[in-house]
Amino acid sequence: QTQLNDLINIKELVAQVVASKAVDNINVVAKERGDVVIH
């Protein structure tokens, strides 16, 4: 198992990874209005 010590905003992480890809055909749809956060 890996240590789960980070509080992650999924929407922000997804936006950062998508921006790093050299393509423009990725559509992101958020089904939740608020932040989606995980430990």
PDB file of all heavy atoms in Angstrom:
ATOM      1  N   GLN A   1       0.834  -1.188   0.000  1.00  0.00           N
ATOM      2  CA  GLN A   1       0.000   0.000   0.000  1.00  0.00           C
ATOM      3  C   GLN A   1       0.879   1.251   0.000  1.00  0.00           C
ATOM      4  O   GLN A   1       1.993   1.248   0.518  1.00  0.00           O
ATOM      5  CB  GLN A   1      -0.908   0.015   1.224  1.00  0.00           C
ATOM      6  CG  GLN A   1      -1.992  -1.063   1.206  1.00  0.00           C
ATOM      7  CD  GLN A   1      -3.023  -0.818   0.123  1.00  0.00           C
ATOM      8  OE1 GLN A   1      -3.080  -1.526  -0.862  1.00  0.00           O
ATOM      9  NE2 GLN A   1      -3.825   0.212   0.321  1.00  0.00           N
ATOM     10  N   THR A   2       0.370   2.317  -0.596  1.00  0.00           N
ATOM     11  CA  THR A   2       1.083   3.591  -0.662  1.00  0.00           C
ATOM     12  C   THR A   2       0.494   4.551   0.369  1.00  0.00           C
ATOM     13  O   THR A   2      -0.713   4.532   0.635  1.00  0.00           O
ATOM     14  CB  THR A   2       0.952   4.195  -2.073  1.00  0.00           C
ATOM     15  OG1 THR A   2       1.540   3.294  -3.018  1.00  0.00           O
ATOM     16  CG2 THR A   2       1.666   5.540  -2.163  1.00  0.00           C
ATOM     17  N   GLN A   3       1.335   5.390   0.958  1.00  0.00           N
ATOM     18  CA  GLN A   3       0.871   6.373   1.923  1.00  0.00           C
ATOM     19  C   GLN A   3      -0.099   7.362   1.262  1.00  0.00           C
ATOM     20  O   GLN A   3       0.176   7.883   0.179  1.00  0.00           O
ATOM     21  CB  GLN A   3       2.058   7.141   2.504  1.00  0.00           C
ATOM     22  CG  GLN A   3       2.992   6.287   3.347  1.00  0.00           C
ATOM     23  CD  GLN A   3       2.305   5.769   4.605  1.00  0.00           C
ATOM     24  OE1 GLN A   3       1.561   6.495   5.271  1.00  0.00           O
ATOM     25  NE2 GLN A   3       2.544   4.523   4.934  1.00  0.00           N
ATOM     26  N   LEU A   4      -1.231   7.605   1.939  1.00  0.00           N
ATOM     27  CA  LEU A   4      -2.256   8.501   1.399  1.00  0.00           C
ATOM     28  C   LEU A   4      -2.269   9.785   2.229  1.00  0.00           C
ATOM     29  O   LEU A   4      -3.165  10.010   3.039  1.00  0.00           O
ATOM     30  CB  LEU A   4      -3.622   7.810   1.424  1.00  0.00           C
ATOM     31  CG  LEU A   4      -3.678   6.383   0.846  1.00  0.00           C
ATOM     32  CD1 LEU A   4      -5.086   5.822   0.944  1.00  0.00           C
ATOM     33  CD2 LEU A   4      -3.191   6.373  -0.609  1.00  0.00           C
ATOM     34  N   ASN A   5      -1.288  10.628   2.013  1.00  0.00           N
ATOM     35  CA  ASN A   5      -1.096  11.821   2.848  1.00  0.00           C
ATOM     36  C   ASN A   5      -1.488  13.121   2.157  1.00  0.00           C
ATOM     37  O   ASN A   5      -1.356  14.194   2.753  1.00  0.00           O
ATOM     38  CB  ASN A   5       0.366  11.918   3.293  1.00  0.00           C
ATOM     39  CG  ASN A   5       0.775  10.736   4.162  1.00  0.00           C
ATOM     40  OD1 ASN A   5      -0.023  10.215   4.932  1.00  0.00           O
ATOM     41  ND2 ASN A   5       2.026  10.306   4.020  1.00  0.00           N
ATOM     42  N   ASP A   6      -1.962  13.058   0.912  1.00  0.00           N
ATOM     43  CA  ASP A   6      -2.235  14.275   0.154  1.00  0.00           C
ATOM     44  C   ASP A   6      -3.734  14.533   0.039  1.00  0.00           C
ATOM     45  O   ASP A   6      -4.520  13.614  -0.221  1.00  0.00           O
ATOM     46  CB  ASP A   6      -1.640  14.172  -1.258  1.00  0.00           C
ATOM     47  CG  ASP A   6      -0.142  13.931  -1.235  1.00  0.00           C
ATOM     48  OD1 ASP A   6       0.528  14.530  -0.379  1.00  0.00           O
ATOM     49  OD2 ASP A   6       0.342  13.133  -2.062  1.00  0.00           O
ATOM     50  N   LEU A   7      -4.116  15.780   0.221  1.00  0.00           N
ATOM     51  CA  LEU A   7      -5.494  16.208  -0.015  1.00  0.00           C
ATOM     52  C   LEU A   7      -5.564  16.721  -1.450  1.00  0.00           C
ATOM     53  O   LEU A   7      -4.923  17.725  -1.789  1.00  0.00           O
ATOM     54  CB  LEU A   7      -5.899  17.297   0.975  1.00  0.00           C
ATOM     55  CG  LEU A   7      -7.403  17.613   1.076  1.00  0.00           C
ATOM     56  CD1 LEU A   7      -8.165  16.393   1.568  1.00  0.00           C
ATOM     57  CD2 LEU A   7      -7.626  18.803   2.000  1.00  0.00           C
ATOM     58  N   ILE A   8      -6.328  16.047  -2.293  1.00  0.00           N
ATOM     59  CA  ILE A   8      -6.302  16.303  -3.733  1.00  0.00           C
ATOM     60  C   ILE A   8      -7.651  16.793  -4.223  1.00  0.00           C
ATOM     61  O   ILE A   8      -8.682  16.155  -3.985  1.00  0.00           O
ATOM     62  CB  ILE A   8      -5.921  15.020  -4.499  1.00  0.00           C
ATOM     63  CG1 ILE A   8      -4.599  14.446  -3.956  1.00  0.00           C
ATOM     64  CG2 ILE A   8      -5.810  15.299  -5.989  1.00  0.00           C
ATOM     65  CD1 ILE A   8      -4.323  13.045  -4.450  1.00  0.00           C
ATOM     66  N   ASN A   9      -7.638  17.915  -4.919  1.00  0.00           N
ATOM     67  CA  ASN A   9      -8.821  18.412  -5.615  1.00  0.00           C
ATOM     68  C   ASN A   9      -8.821  17.777  -7.005  1.00  0.00           C
ATOM     69  O   ASN A   9      -7.997  18.113  -7.853  1.00  0.00           O
ATOM     70  CB  ASN A   9      -8.781  19.933  -5.712  1.00  0.00           C
ATOM     71  CG  ASN A   9     -10.063  20.510  -6.308  1.00  0.00           C
ATOM     72  OD1 ASN A   9     -10.578  20.016  -7.296  1.00  0.00           O
ATOM     73  ND2 ASN A   9     -10.568  21.581  -5.695  1.00  0.00           N
ATOM     74  N   ILE A  10      -9.735  16.845  -7.234  1.00  0.00           N
ATOM     75  CA  ILE A  10      -9.750  16.074  -8.481  1.00  0.00           C
ATOM     76  C   ILE A  10      -9.933  16.974  -9.699  1.00  0.00           C
ATOM     77  O   ILE A  10      -9.288  16.789 -10.734  1.00  0.00           O
ATOM     78  CB  ILE A  10     -10.846  14.996  -8.441  1.00  0.00           C
ATOM     79  CG1 ILE A  10     -10.513  13.932  -7.390  1.00  0.00           C
ATOM     80  CG2 ILE A  10     -11.012  14.336  -9.810  1.00  0.00           C
ATOM     81  CD1 ILE A  10      -9.278  13.130  -7.711  1.00  0.00           C
ATOM     82  N   LYS A  11     -10.801  17.978  -9.595  1.00  0.00           N
ATOM     83  CA  LYS A  11     -11.031  18.861 -10.741  1.00  0.00           C
ATOM     84  C   LYS A  11      -9.761  19.602 -11.138  1.00  0.00           C
ATOM     85  O   LYS A  11      -9.450  19.732 -12.323  1.00  0.00           O
ATOM     86  CB  LYS A  11     -12.146  19.853 -10.408  1.00  0.00           C
ATOM     87  CG  LYS A  11     -13.532  19.233 -10.289  1.00  0.00           C
ATOM     88  CD  LYS A  11     -14.590  20.287 -10.033  1.00  0.00           C
ATOM     89  CE  LYS A  11     -15.971  19.668  -9.923  1.00  0.00           C
ATOM     90  NZ  LYS A  11     -17.021  20.686  -9.666  1.00  0.00           N
ATOM     91  N   GLU A  12      -9.019  20.082 -10.146  1.00  0.00           N
ATOM     92  CA  GLU A  12      -7.776  20.790 -10.439  1.00  0.00           C
ATOM     93  C   GLU A  12      -6.735  19.861 -11.032  1.00  0.00           C
ATOM     94  O   GLU A  12      -6.026  20.218 -11.992  1.00  0.00           O
ATOM     95  CB  GLU A  12      -7.238  21.445  -9.166  1.00  0.00           C
ATOM     96  CG  GLU A  12      -8.101  22.587  -8.642  1.00  0.00           C
ATOM     97  CD  GLU A  12      -7.539  23.194  -7.372  1.00  0.00           C
ATOM     98  OE1 GLU A  12      -6.501  22.673  -6.870  1.00  0.00           O
ATOM     99  OE2 GLU A  12      -8.119  24.170  -6.873  1.00  0.00           O
ATOM    100  N   LEU A  13      -6.613  18.658 -10.481  1.00  0.00           N
ATOM    101  CA  LEU A  13      -5.633  17.695 -10.992  1.00  0.00           C
ATOM    102  C   LEU A  13      -5.951  17.313 -12.434  1.00  0.00           C
ATOM    103  O   LEU A  13      -5.062  17.261 -13.292  1.00  0.00           O
ATOM    104  CB  LEU A  13      -5.596  16.457 -10.100  1.00  0.00           C
ATOM    105  CG  LEU A  13      -4.572  15.383 -10.483  1.00  0.00           C
ATOM    106  CD1 LEU A  13      -3.969  14.742  -9.237  1.00  0.00           C
ATOM    107  CD2 LEU A  13      -5.219  14.291 -11.342  1.00  0.00           C
ATOM    108  N   VAL A  14      -7.233  17.041 -12.710  1.00  0.00           N
ATOM    109  CA  VAL A  14      -7.645  16.679 -14.068  1.00  0.00           C
ATOM    110  C   VAL A  14      -7.318  17.812 -15.041  1.00  0.00           C
ATOM    111  O   VAL A  14      -6.790  17.576 -16.137  1.00  0.00           O
ATOM    112  CB  VAL A  14      -9.147  16.335 -14.105  1.00  0.00           C
ATOM    113  CG1 VAL A  14      -9.661  16.310 -15.551  1.00  0.00           C
ATOM    114  CG2 VAL A  14      -9.402  14.991 -13.444  1.00  0.00           C
ATOM    115  N   ALA A  15      -7.601  19.046 -14.662  1.00  0.00           N
ATOM    116  CA  ALA A  15      -7.333  20.188 -15.534  1.00  0.00           C
ATOM    117  C   ALA A  15      -5.841  20.307 -15.837  1.00  0.00           C
ATOM    118  O   ALA A  15      -5.448  20.585 -16.982  1.00  0.00           O
ATOM    119  CB  ALA A  15      -7.848  21.469 -14.883  1.00  0.00           C
ATOM    120  N   GLN A  16      -4.994  20.075 -14.841  1.00  0.00           N
ATOM    121  CA  GLN A  16      -3.554  20.178 -15.036  1.00  0.00           C
ATOM    122  C   GLN A  16      -3.035  19.098 -15.978  1.00  0.00           C
ATOM    123  O   GLN A  16      -2.217  19.362 -16.862  1.00  0.00           O
ATOM    124  CB  GLN A  16      -2.836  20.096 -13.682  1.00  0.00           C
ATOM    125  CG  GLN A  16      -3.070  21.309 -12.795  1.00  0.00           C
ATOM    126  CD  GLN A  16      -2.542  21.107 -11.389  1.00  0.00           C
ATOM    127  OE1 GLN A  16      -1.922  20.098 -11.074  1.00  0.00           O
ATOM    128  NE2 GLN A  16      -2.797  22.080 -10.511  1.00  0.00           N
ATOM    129  N   VAL A  17      -3.509  17.856 -15.789  1.00  0.00           N
ATOM    130  CA  VAL A  17      -3.040  16.755 -16.643  1.00  0.00           C
ATOM    131  C   VAL A  17      -3.538  16.944 -18.074  1.00  0.00           C
ATOM    132  O   VAL A  17      -2.781  16.739 -19.039  1.00  0.00           O
ATOM    133  CB  VAL A  17      -3.506  15.400 -16.081  1.00  0.00           C
ATOM    134  CG1 VAL A  17      -3.117  14.266 -17.038  1.00  0.00           C
ATOM    135  CG2 VAL A  17      -2.894  15.146 -14.708  1.00  0.00           C
ATOM    136  N   VAL A  18      -4.807  17.342 -18.237  1.00  0.00           N
ATOM    137  CA  VAL A  18      -5.352  17.559 -19.578  1.00  0.00           C
ATOM    138  C   VAL A  18      -4.558  18.647 -20.296  1.00  0.00           C
ATOM    139  O   VAL A  18      -4.243  18.527 -21.490  1.00  0.00           O
ATOM    140  CB  VAL A  18      -6.851  17.936 -19.505  1.00  0.00           C
ATOM    141  CG1 VAL A  18      -7.350  18.434 -20.873  1.00  0.00           C
ATOM    142  CG2 VAL A  18      -7.678  16.746 -19.056  1.00  0.00           C
ATOM    143  N   ALA A  19      -4.203  19.728 -19.588  1.00  0.00           N
ATOM    144  CA  ALA A  19      -3.453  20.827 -20.189  1.00  0.00           C
ATOM    145  C   ALA A  19      -2.062  20.385 -20.641  1.00  0.00           C
ATOM    146  O   ALA A  19      -1.488  20.974 -21.561  1.00  0.00           O
ATOM    147  CB  ALA A  19      -3.336  21.979 -19.195  1.00  0.00           C
ATOM    148  N   SER A  20      -1.528  19.323 -20.026  1.00  0.00           N
ATOM    149  CA  SER A  20      -0.180  18.858 -20.371  1.00  0.00           C
ATOM    150  C   SER A  20      -0.155  17.988 -21.624  1.00  0.00           C
ATOM    151  O   SER A  20       0.916  17.716 -22.162  1.00  0.00           O
ATOM    152  CB  SER A  20       0.421  18.075 -19.200  1.00  0.00           C
ATOM    153  OG  SER A  20      -0.228  16.817 -19.032  1.00  0.00           O
ATOM    154  N   LYS A  21      -1.313  17.553 -22.078  1.00  0.00           N
ATOM    155  CA  LYS A  21      -1.385  16.694 -23.264  1.00  0.00           C
ATOM    156  C   LYS A  21      -1.463  17.548 -24.524  1.00  0.00           C
ATOM    157  O   LYS A  21      -2.157  18.557 -24.573  1.00  0.00           O
ATOM    158  CB  LYS A  21      -2.602  15.760 -23.194  1.00  0.00           C
ATOM    159  CG  LYS A  21      -2.643  14.891 -21.942  1.00  0.00           C
ATOM    160  CD  LYS A  21      -1.455  13.971 -21.820  1.00  0.00           C
ATOM    161  CE  LYS A  21      -1.513  13.146 -20.546  1.00  0.00           C
ATOM    162  NZ  LYS A  21      -0.335  12.273 -20.371  1.00  0.00           N
ATOM    163  N   ALA A  22      -0.760  17.136 -25.552  1.00  0.00           N
ATOM    164  CA  ALA A  22      -0.686  17.912 -26.792  1.00  0.00           C
ATOM    165  C   ALA A  22      -1.849  17.576 -27.727  1.00  0.00           C
ATOM    166  O   ALA A  22      -1.652  17.297 -28.911  1.00  0.00           O
ATOM    167  CB  ALA A  22       0.646  17.660 -27.479  1.00  0.00           C
ATOM    168  N   VAL A  23      -3.061  17.570 -27.202  1.00  0.00           N
ATOM    169  CA  VAL A  23      -4.264  17.311 -28.000  1.00  0.00           C
ATOM    170  C   VAL A  23      -5.339  18.304 -27.579  1.00  0.00           C
ATOM    171  O   VAL A  23      -5.312  18.849 -26.478  1.00  0.00           O
ATOM    172  CB  VAL A  23      -4.770  15.865 -27.820  1.00  0.00           C
ATOM    173  CG1 VAL A  23      -3.770  14.862 -28.359  1.00  0.00           C
ATOM    174  CG2 VAL A  23      -5.065  15.572 -26.352  1.00  0.00           C
ATOM    175  N   ASP A  24      -6.309  18.522 -28.462  1.00  0.00           N
ATOM    176  CA  ASP A  24      -7.380  19.479 -28.156  1.00  0.00           C
ATOM    177  C   ASP A  24      -8.766  18.860 -28.266  1.00  0.00           C
ATOM    178  O   ASP A  24      -9.764  19.567 -28.416  1.00  0.00           O
ATOM    179  CB  ASP A  24      -7.276  20.697 -29.071  1.00  0.00           C
ATOM    180  CG  ASP A  24      -7.312  20.328 -30.554  1.00  0.00           C
ATOM    181  OD1 ASP A  24      -7.522  19.125 -30.869  1.00  0.00           O
ATOM    182  OD2 ASP A  24      -7.138  21.227 -31.385  1.00  0.00           O
ATOM    183  N   ASN A  25      -8.838  17.531 -28.202  1.00  0.00           N
ATOM    184  CA  ASN A  25     -10.132  16.862 -28.328  1.00  0.00           C
ATOM    185  C   ASN A  25     -10.599  16.209 -27.028  1.00  0.00           C
ATOM    186  O   ASN A  25     -11.397  15.275 -27.035  1.00  0.00           O
ATOM    187  CB  ASN A  25     -10.076  15.805 -29.434  1.00  0.00           C
ATOM    188  CG  ASN A  25      -9.045  14.708 -29.163  1.00  0.00           C
ATOM    189  OD1 ASN A  25      -8.006  14.967 -28.551  1.00  0.00           O
ATOM    190  ND2 ASN A  25      -9.331  13.498 -29.617  1.00  0.00           N
ATOM    191  N   ILE A  26     -10.099  16.714 -25.892  1.00  0.00           N
ATOM    192  CA  ILE A  26     -10.494  16.176 -24.588  1.00  0.00           C
ATOM    193  C   ILE A  26     -11.542  17.087 -23.969  1.00  0.00           C
ATOM    194  O   ILE A  26     -11.301  18.289 -23.771  1.00  0.00           O
ATOM    195  CB  ILE A  26      -9.284  16.052 -23.637  1.00  0.00           C
ATOM    196  CG1 ILE A  26      -8.206  15.159 -24.256  1.00  0.00           C
ATOM    197  CG2 ILE A  26      -9.724  15.490 -22.287  1.00  0.00           C
ATOM    198  CD1 ILE A  26      -6.923  15.096 -23.445  1.00  0.00           C
ATOM    199  N   ASN A  27     -12.706  16.529 -23.689  1.00  0.00           N
ATOM    200  CA  ASN A  27     -13.794  17.285 -23.088  1.00  0.00           C
ATOM    201  C   ASN A  27     -13.989  16.845 -21.644  1.00  0.00           C
ATOM    202  O   ASN A  27     -14.215  15.667 -21.381  1.00  0.00           O
ATOM    203  CB  ASN A  27     -15.099  17.068 -23.864  1.00  0.00           C
ATOM    204  CG  ASN A  27     -14.976  17.492 -25.311  1.00  0.00           C
ATOM    205  OD1 ASN A  27     -14.359  18.509 -25.621  1.00  0.00           O
ATOM    206  ND2 ASN A  27     -15.564  16.712 -26.219  1.00  0.00           N
ATOM    207  N   VAL A  28     -13.882  17.781 -20.715  1.00  0.00           N
ATOM    208  CA  VAL A  28     -14.046  17.483 -19.289  1.00  0.00           C
ATOM    209  C   VAL A  28     -15.431  17.914 -18.838  1.00  0.00           C
ATOM    210  O   VAL A  28     -15.841  19.063 -19.058  1.00  0.00           O
ATOM    211  CB  VAL A  28     -12.968  18.193 -18.444  1.00  0.00           C
ATOM    212  CG1 VAL A  28     -13.163  17.868 -16.967  1.00  0.00           C
ATOM    213  CG2 VAL A  28     -11.570  17.784 -18.908  1.00  0.00           C
ATOM    214  N   VAL A  29     -16.159  16.994 -18.201  1.00  0.00           N
ATOM    215  CA  VAL A  29     -17.510  17.263 -17.711  1.00  0.00           C
ATOM    216  C   VAL A  29     -17.537  16.990 -16.210  1.00  0.00           C
ATOM    217  O   VAL A  29     -17.235  15.876 -15.772  1.00  0.00           O
ATOM    218  CB  VAL A  29     -18.559  16.382 -18.421  1.00  0.00           C
ATOM    219  CG1 VAL A  29     -19.954  16.659 -17.853  1.00  0.00           C
ATOM    220  CG2 VAL A  29     -18.530  16.628 -19.924  1.00  0.00           C
ATOM    221  N   ALA A  30     -17.864  18.011 -15.423  1.00  0.00           N
ATOM    222  CA  ALA A  30     -17.973  17.856 -13.967  1.00  0.00           C
ATOM    223  C   ALA A  30     -19.440  17.629 -13.601  1.00  0.00           C
ATOM    224  O   ALA A  30     -20.290  18.489 -13.840  1.00  0.00           O
ATOM    225  CB  ALA A  30     -17.432  19.091 -13.262  1.00  0.00           C
ATOM    226  N   LYS A  31     -19.715  16.466 -13.033  1.00  0.00           N
ATOM    227  CA  LYS A  31     -21.085  16.138 -12.636  1.00  0.00           C
ATOM    228  C   LYS A  31     -21.454  16.760 -11.287  1.00  0.00           C
ATOM    229  O   LYS A  31     -22.621  16.781 -10.913  1.00  0.00           O
ATOM    230  CB  LYS A  31     -21.253  14.615 -12.576  1.00  0.00           C
ATOM    231  CG  LYS A  31     -21.069  13.918 -13.923  1.00  0.00           C
ATOM    232  CD  LYS A  31     -21.275  12.424 -13.784  1.00  0.00           C
ATOM    233  CE  LYS A  31     -21.122  11.722 -15.121  1.00  0.00           C
ATOM    234  NZ  LYS A  31     -21.314  10.245 -15.004  1.00  0.00           N
ATOM    235  N   GLU A  32     -20.432  17.237 -10.561  1.00  0.00           N
ATOM    236  CA  GLU A  32     -20.656  17.865  -9.257  1.00  0.00           C
ATOM    237  C   GLU A  32     -20.343  19.362  -9.360  1.00  0.00           C
ATOM    238  O   GLU A  32     -19.355  19.756  -9.963  1.00  0.00           O
ATOM    239  CB  GLU A  32     -19.743  17.226  -8.196  1.00  0.00           C
ATOM    240  CG  GLU A  32     -19.918  15.731  -8.028  1.00  0.00           C
ATOM    241  CD  GLU A  32     -21.221  15.382  -7.347  1.00  0.00           C
ATOM    242  OE1 GLU A  32     -21.676  16.184  -6.505  1.00  0.00           O
ATOM    243  OE2 GLU A  32     -21.766  14.307  -7.647  1.00  0.00           O
ATOM    244  N   ARG A  33     -21.195  20.183  -8.767  1.00  0.00           N
ATOM    245  CA  ARG A  33     -20.962  21.625  -8.808  1.00  0.00           C
ATOM    246  C   ARG A  33     -19.772  22.033  -7.940  1.00  0.00           C
ATOM    247  O   ARG A  33     -18.986  22.896  -8.307  1.00  0.00           O
ATOM    248  CB  ARG A  33     -22.217  22.370  -8.349  1.00  0.00           C
ATOM    249  CG  ARG A  33     -23.386  22.276  -9.339  1.00  0.00           C
ATOM    250  CD  ARG A  33     -24.525  23.173  -8.893  1.00  0.00           C
ATOM    251  NE  ARG A  33     -25.614  23.152  -9.849  1.00  0.00           N
ATOM    252  CZ  ARG A  33     -26.726  23.861  -9.728  1.00  0.00           C
ATOM    253  NH1 ARG A  33     -26.894  24.649  -8.655  1.00  0.00           N
ATOM    254  NH2 ARG A  33     -27.671  23.788 -10.642  1.00  0.00           N
ATOM    255  N   GLY A  34     -19.673  21.453  -6.781  1.00  0.00           N
ATOM    256  CA  GLY A  34     -18.582  21.797  -5.870  1.00  0.00           C
ATOM    257  C   GLY A  34     -17.321  21.014  -6.164  1.00  0.00           C
ATOM    258  O   GLY A  34     -17.232  20.246  -7.129  1.00  0.00           O
ATOM    259  N   ASP A  35     -16.305  21.234  -5.326  1.00  0.00           N
ATOM    260  CA  ASP A  35     -15.043  20.517  -5.476  1.00  0.00           C
ATOM    261  C   ASP A  35     -15.213  19.039  -5.145  1.00  0.00           C
ATOM    262  O   ASP A  35     -16.038  18.670  -4.312  1.00  0.00           O
ATOM    263  CB  ASP A  35     -13.979  21.123  -4.556  1.00  0.00           C
ATOM    264  CG  ASP A  35     -13.563  22.520  -5.001  1.00  0.00           C
ATOM    265  OD1 ASP A  35     -13.705  22.814  -6.204  1.00  0.00           O
ATOM    266  OD2 ASP A  35     -13.114  23.301  -4.147  1.00  0.00           O
ATOM    267  N   VAL A  36     -14.429  18.219  -5.810  1.00  0.00           N
ATOM    268  CA  VAL A  36     -14.374  16.786  -5.518  1.00  0.00           C
ATOM    269  C   VAL A  36     -12.997  16.521  -4.928  1.00  0.00           C
ATOM    270  O   VAL A  36     -11.988  16.596  -5.629  1.00  0.00           O
ATOM    271  CB  VAL A  36     -14.606  15.937  -6.784  1.00  0.00           C
ATOM    272  CG1 VAL A  36     -14.513  14.461  -6.451  1.00  0.00           C
ATOM    273  CG2 VAL A  36     -15.948  16.273  -7.412  1.00  0.00           C
ATOM    274  N   VAL A  37     -12.951  16.251  -3.628  1.00  0.00           N
ATOM    275  CA  VAL A  37     -11.685  16.158  -2.904  1.00  0.00           C
ATOM    276  C   VAL A  37     -11.500  14.752  -2.333  1.00  0.00           C
ATOM    277  O   VAL A  37     -12.455  14.151  -1.828  1.00  0.00           O
ATOM    278  CB  VAL A  37     -11.630  17.201  -1.773  1.00  0.00           C
ATOM    279  CG1 VAL A  37     -10.329  17.083  -0.991  1.00  0.00           C
ATOM    280  CG2 VAL A  37     -11.791  18.611  -2.337  1.00  0.00           C
ATOM    281  N   ILE A  38     -10.278  14.241  -2.423  1.00  0.00           N
ATOM    282  CA  ILE A  38      -9.961  12.936  -1.858  1.00  0.00           C
ATOM    283  C   ILE A  38      -8.670  13.017  -1.054  1.00  0.00           C
ATOM    284  O   ILE A  38      -7.835  13.897  -1.277  1.00  0.00           O
ATOM    285  CB  ILE A  38      -9.798  11.849  -2.950  1.00  0.00           C
ATOM    286  CG1 ILE A  38      -8.640  12.213  -3.904  1.00  0.00           C
ATOM    287  CG2 ILE A  38     -11.093  11.643  -3.709  1.00  0.00           C
ATOM    288  CD1 ILE A  38      -8.305  11.116  -4.890  1.00  0.00           C
ATOM    289  N   HIS A  39      -8.527  12.102  -0.103  1.00  0.00           N
ATOM    290  CA  HIS A  39      -7.258  11.895   0.604  1.00  0.00           C
ATOM    291  C   HIS A  39      -6.570  10.721  -0.075  1.00  0.00           C
ATOM    292  O   HIS A  39      -7.054   9.591  -0.019  1.00  0.00           O
ATOM    293  CB  HIS A  39      -7.509  11.568   2.075  1.00  0.00           C
ATOM    294  CG  HIS A  39      -7.069  12.645   3.005  1.00  0.00           C
ATOM    295  ND1 HIS A  39      -7.914  13.253   3.902  1.00  0.00           N
ATOM    296  CD2 HIS A  39      -5.866  13.243   3.162  1.00  0.00           C
ATOM    297  CE1 HIS A  39      -7.263  14.176   4.588  1.00  0.00           C
ATOM    298  NE2 HIS A  39      -6.017  14.188   4.157  1.00  0.00           N
TER     299      HIS A  39
END
